[in-house]
PDB file of N, CA and C in Angstrom:
ATOM      1  N   UNK A   1      16.512 -35.594  11.352  1.00  0.00           N
ATOM      2  CA  UNK A   1      15.239 -35.705  12.491  1.00  0.00           C
ATOM      3  C   UNK A   1      13.939 -35.244  11.624  1.00  0.00           C
ATOM      4  N   UNK A   2      14.163 -34.295  10.813  1.00  0.00           N
ATOM      5  CA  UNK A   2      12.966 -33.981  10.071  1.00  0.00           C
ATOM      6  C   UNK A   2      12.046 -35.268   9.306  1.00  0.00           C
ATOM      7  N   UNK A   3      12.973 -36.208   8.706  1.00  0.00           N
ATOM      8  CA  UNK A   3      12.662 -37.109   8.045  1.00  0.00           C
ATOM      9  C   UNK A   3      11.940 -37.951   8.922  1.00  0.00           C
ATOM     10  N   UNK A   4      12.364 -38.111  10.370  1.00  0.00           N
ATOM     11  CA  UNK A   4      11.613 -39.032  11.124  1.00  0.00           C
ATOM     12  C   UNK A   4      10.232 -38.318  11.783  1.00  0.00           C
ATOM     13  N   UNK A   5      10.281 -36.872  11.618  1.00  0.00           N
ATOM     14  CA  UNK A   5       8.888 -36.392  12.078  1.00  0.00           C
ATOM     15  C   UNK A   5       8.091 -36.399  10.756  1.00  0.00           C
ATOM     16  N   UNK A   6       8.590 -36.301   9.564  1.00  0.00           N
ATOM     17  CA  UNK A   6       7.662 -36.414   8.469  1.00  0.00           C
ATOM     18  C   UNK A   6       7.067 -37.970   8.373  1.00  0.00           C
ATOM     19  N   UNK A   7       7.742 -39.043   8.748  1.00  0.00           N
ATOM     20  CA  UNK A   7       7.264 -40.166   8.628  1.00  0.00           C
ATOM     21  C   UNK A   7       6.497 -40.604   9.609  1.00  0.00           C
ATOM     22  N   UNK A   8       6.639 -39.984  10.993  1.00  0.00           N
ATOM     23  CA  UNK A   8       5.542 -40.070  12.181  1.00  0.00           C
ATOM     24  C   UNK A   8       4.290 -39.600  11.727  1.00  0.00           C
ATOM     25  N   UNK A   9       4.239 -38.547  11.141  1.00  0.00           N
ATOM     26  CA  UNK A   9       3.227 -37.799  10.471  1.00  0.00           C
ATOM     27  C   UNK A   9       2.311 -38.807   9.746  1.00  0.00           C
ATOM     28  N   UNK A  10       3.085 -39.475   8.753  1.00  0.00           N
ATOM     29  CA  UNK A  10       2.506 -40.218   7.678  1.00  0.00           C
ATOM     30  C   UNK A  10       1.972 -41.477   8.210  1.00  0.00           C
ATOM     31  N   UNK A  11       2.723 -41.826   9.252  1.00  0.00           N
ATOM     32  CA  UNK A  11       2.167 -42.916   9.752  1.00  0.00           C
ATOM     33  C   UNK A  11       0.984 -42.848  10.594  1.00  0.00           C
ATOM     34  N   UNK A  12       0.722 -41.740  11.390  1.00  0.00           N
ATOM     35  CA  UNK A  12      -0.455 -41.391  12.306  1.00  0.00           C
ATOM     36  C   UNK A  12      -1.798 -41.075  11.086  1.00  0.00           C
ATOM     37  N   UNK A  13      -1.464 -40.496  10.063  1.00  0.00           N
ATOM     38  CA  UNK A  13      -2.367 -40.396   9.134  1.00  0.00           C
ATOM     39  C   UNK A  13      -2.757 -41.709   8.488  1.00  0.00           C
ATOM     40  N   UNK A  14      -1.952 -42.720   8.227  1.00  0.00           N
ATOM     41  CA  UNK A  14      -2.181 -43.827   7.762  1.00  0.00           C
ATOM     42  C   UNK A  14      -2.959 -44.789   8.825  1.00  0.00           C
ATOM     43  N   UNK A  15      -2.710 -44.815   9.983  1.00  0.00           N
ATOM     44  CA  UNK A  15      -3.575 -45.186  10.973  1.00  0.00           C
ATOM     45  C   UNK A  15      -5.036 -44.605  11.296  1.00  0.00           C
ATOM     46  N   UNK A  16      -5.106 -43.248  11.175  1.00  0.00           N
ATOM     47  CA  UNK A  16      -6.385 -42.485  11.322  1.00  0.00           C
ATOM     48  C   UNK A  16      -7.164 -43.244  10.256  1.00  0.00           C
ATOM     49  N   UNK A  17      -6.551 -43.142   8.863  1.00  0.00           N
ATOM     50  CA  UNK A  17      -7.407 -43.570   7.425  1.00  0.00           C
ATOM     51  C   UNK A  17      -8.003 -44.826   7.738  1.00  0.00           C
ATOM     52  N   UNK A  18      -6.912 -45.730   8.451  1.00  0.00           N
ATOM     53  CA  UNK A  18      -6.979 -47.200   8.589  1.00  0.00           C
ATOM     54  C   UNK A  18      -8.340 -47.245   9.330  1.00  0.00           C
ATOM     55  N   UNK A  19      -8.195 -46.335  10.585  1.00  0.00           N
ATOM     56  CA  UNK A  19      -9.361 -46.595  11.406  1.00  0.00           C
ATOM     57  C   UNK A  19     -10.929 -45.931  11.009  1.00  0.00           C
ATOM     58  N   UNK A  20     -10.596 -45.155   9.963  1.00  0.00           N
ATOM     59  CA  UNK A  20     -11.818 -44.755   9.067  1.00  0.00           C
ATOM     60  C   UNK A  20     -12.791 -45.461   8.303  1.00  0.00           C
ATOM     61  N   UNK A  21     -11.820 -46.486   7.753  1.00  0.00           N
ATOM     62  CA  UNK A  21     -12.209 -47.413   6.931  1.00  0.00           C
ATOM     63  C   UNK A  21     -12.743 -48.827   7.670  1.00  0.00           C
ATOM     64  N   UNK A  22     -12.514 -49.008   8.869  1.00  0.00           N
ATOM     65  CA  UNK A  22     -12.647 -50.194   9.984  1.00  0.00           C
ATOM     66  C   UNK A  22     -14.084 -50.274   9.822  1.00  0.00           C
ATOM     67  N   UNK A  23     -14.344 -51.449   9.326  1.00  0.00           N
ATOM     68  CA  UNK A  23     -15.933 -52.106   9.401  1.00  0.00           C
ATOM     69  C   UNK A  23     -16.375 -51.881  10.738  1.00  0.00           C
ATOM     70  N   UNK A  24     -17.688 -51.954  11.089  1.00  0.00           N
ATOM     71  CA  UNK A  24     -18.174 -51.894  12.401  1.00  0.00           C
ATOM     72  C   UNK A  24     -18.219 -53.671  12.693  1.00  0.00           C
ATOM     73  N   UNK A  25     -18.469 -54.435  11.834  1.00  0.00           N
ATOM     74  CA  UNK A  25     -18.634 -55.559  12.318  1.00  0.00           C
ATOM     75  C   UNK A  25     -17.557 -56.540  11.539  1.00  0.00           C
ATOM     76  N   UNK A  26     -17.148 -57.454  11.954  1.00  0.00           N
ATOM     77  CA  UNK A  26     -16.153 -58.479  11.151  1.00  0.00           C
ATOM     78  C   UNK A  26     -15.106 -58.254  10.274  1.00  0.00           C
ATOM     79  N   UNK A  27     -14.098 -57.120  10.976  1.00  0.00           N
ATOM     80  CA  UNK A  27     -13.084 -56.677  10.322  1.00  0.00           C
ATOM     81  C   UNK A  27     -12.030 -57.959   9.807  1.00  0.00           C
ATOM     82  N   UNK A  28     -11.381 -57.827   8.639  1.00  0.00           N
ATOM     83  CA  UNK A  28     -10.575 -59.055   8.030  1.00  0.00           C
ATOM     84  C   UNK A  28      -9.514 -58.669   8.885  1.00  0.00           C
ATOM     85  N   UNK A  29      -8.931 -59.994   9.148  1.00  0.00           N
ATOM     86  CA  UNK A  29      -7.393 -60.269   9.776  1.00  0.00           C
ATOM     87  C   UNK A  29      -6.355 -59.158   9.126  1.00  0.00           C
ATOM     88  N   UNK A  30      -6.528 -59.076   7.701  1.00  0.00           N
ATOM     89  CA  UNK A  30      -5.448 -57.994   7.201  1.00  0.00           C
ATOM     90  C   UNK A  30      -5.287 -56.674   7.619  1.00  0.00           C
ATOM     91  N   UNK A  31      -6.902 -56.397   8.136  1.00  0.00           N
ATOM     92  CA  UNK A  31      -6.692 -54.827   8.681  1.00  0.00           C
ATOM     93  C   UNK A  31      -6.179 -54.872  10.074  1.00  0.00           C
ATOM     94  N   UNK A  32      -6.452 -55.816  10.975  1.00  0.00           N
ATOM     95  CA  UNK A  32      -5.770 -56.308  12.231  1.00  0.00           C
ATOM     96  C   UNK A  32      -4.260 -56.068  11.783  1.00  0.00           C
ATOM     97  N   UNK A  33      -3.688 -56.823  11.046  1.00  0.00           N
ATOM     98  CA  UNK A  33      -1.998 -56.996  10.644  1.00  0.00           C
ATOM     99  C   UNK A  33      -1.489 -55.694  10.335  1.00  0.00           C
ATOM    100  N   UNK A  34      -2.349 -54.723   9.365  1.00  0.00           N
ATOM    101  CA  UNK A  34      -1.958 -53.426   9.013  1.00  0.00           C
ATOM    102  C   UNK A  34      -1.819 -52.550  10.017  1.00  0.00           C
ATOM    103  N   UNK A  35      -3.152 -52.425  11.004  1.00  0.00           N
ATOM    104  CA  UNK A  35      -2.698 -51.700  12.258  1.00  0.00           C
ATOM    105  C   UNK A  35      -1.940 -52.169  13.124  1.00  0.00           C
ATOM    106  N   UNK A  36      -1.794 -53.259  13.410  1.00  0.00           N
ATOM    107  CA  UNK A  36      -0.514 -53.302  14.181  1.00  0.00           C
ATOM    108  C   UNK A  36       0.773 -53.164  13.594  1.00  0.00           C
ATOM    109  N   UNK A  37       1.068 -53.340  12.255  1.00  0.00           N
ATOM    110  CA  UNK A  37       2.271 -52.836  11.761  1.00  0.00           C
ATOM    111  C   UNK A  37       2.514 -51.265  11.693  1.00  0.00           C
ATOM    112  N   UNK A  38       1.375 -50.824  11.337  1.00  0.00           N
ATOM    113  CA  UNK A  38       1.315 -49.511  11.688  1.00  0.00           C
ATOM    114  C   UNK A  38       2.050 -48.907  12.932  1.00  0.00           C
ATOM    115  N   UNK A  39       1.245 -49.401  14.095  1.00  0.00           N
ATOM    116  CA  UNK A  39       1.337 -48.774  15.337  1.00  0.00           C
ATOM    117  C   UNK A  39       2.800 -49.324  15.769  1.00  0.00           C
ATOM    118  N   UNK A  40       3.428 -50.425  15.427  1.00  0.00           N
ATOM    119  CA  UNK A  40       4.769 -50.847  15.766  1.00  0.00           C
ATOM    120  C   UNK A  40       5.665 -49.960  14.947  1.00  0.00           C
ATOM    121  N   UNK A  41       5.433 -49.813  13.841  1.00  0.00           N
ATOM    122  CA  UNK A  41       6.387 -48.643  13.243  1.00  0.00           C
ATOM    123  C   UNK A  41       6.488 -47.163  13.806  1.00  0.00           C
ATOM    124  N   UNK A  42       5.180 -46.950  14.401  1.00  0.00           N
ATOM    125  CA  UNK A  42       5.239 -45.370  14.841  1.00  0.00           C
ATOM    126  C   UNK A  42       5.950 -45.404  16.162  1.00  0.00           C
ATOM    127  N   UNK A  43       5.652 -47.039  16.854  1.00  0.00           N
ATOM    128  CA  UNK A  43       6.746 -46.632  18.062  1.00  0.00           C
ATOM    129  C   UNK A  43       8.023 -46.683  17.829  1.00  0.00           C
ATOM    130  N   UNK A  44       8.452 -47.359  16.812  1.00  0.00           N
ATOM    131  CA  UNK A  44       9.823 -47.270  16.558  1.00  0.00           C
ATOM    132  C   UNK A  44      10.544 -46.178  16.230  1.00  0.00           C
ATOM    133  N   UNK A  45       9.671 -45.375  15.409  1.00  0.00           N
ATOM    134  CA  UNK A  45       9.899 -44.136  15.147  1.00  0.00           C
ATOM    135  C   UNK A  45       9.853 -43.215  16.213  1.00  0.00           C
ATOM    136  N   UNK A  46       9.208 -43.188  16.946  1.00  0.00           N
ATOM    137  CA  UNK A  46       9.099 -42.260  18.083  1.00  0.00           C
ATOM    138  C   UNK A  46      10.228 -42.638  19.094  1.00  0.00           C
ATOM    139  N   UNK A  47      10.774 -43.745  19.353  1.00  0.00           N
ATOM    140  CA  UNK A  47      12.129 -44.340  20.138  1.00  0.00           C
ATOM    141  C   UNK A  47      13.214 -43.903  19.377  1.00  0.00           C
ATOM    142  N   UNK A  48      13.321 -43.764  17.861  1.00  0.00           N
ATOM    143  CA  UNK A  48      14.480 -43.212  17.294  1.00  0.00           C
ATOM    144  C   UNK A  48      14.334 -41.814  17.243  1.00  0.00           C
ATOM    145  N   UNK A  49      13.324 -40.751  17.442  1.00  0.00           N
ATOM    146  CA  UNK A  49      13.306 -39.582  17.684  1.00  0.00           C
ATOM    147  C   UNK A  49      13.800 -39.367  18.944  1.00  0.00           C
ATOM    148  N   UNK A  50      13.683 -40.107  19.919  1.00  0.00           N
ATOM    149  CA  UNK A  50      14.103 -39.791  21.337  1.00  0.00           C
ATOM    150  C   UNK A  50      15.489 -39.999  21.817  1.00  0.00           C
ATOM    151  N   UNK A  51      15.887 -40.779  20.821  1.00  0.00           N
ATOM    152  CA  UNK A  51      17.364 -41.011  20.812  1.00  0.00           C
ATOM    153  C   UNK A  51      18.395 -40.296  19.979  1.00  0.00           C
TER     154      UNK A  51
END
């Protein structure tokens, strides 16, 4: 469980970092993909923690 909590914290930090690097105009598709991947991983980790 502690490992999952650590990974959740890491993913949240990565999402925050990505959003801070997000350009005001014309973000690249790779940024959208990275954000979607991180959000999906966070959701999966939170589901694992609940079960």
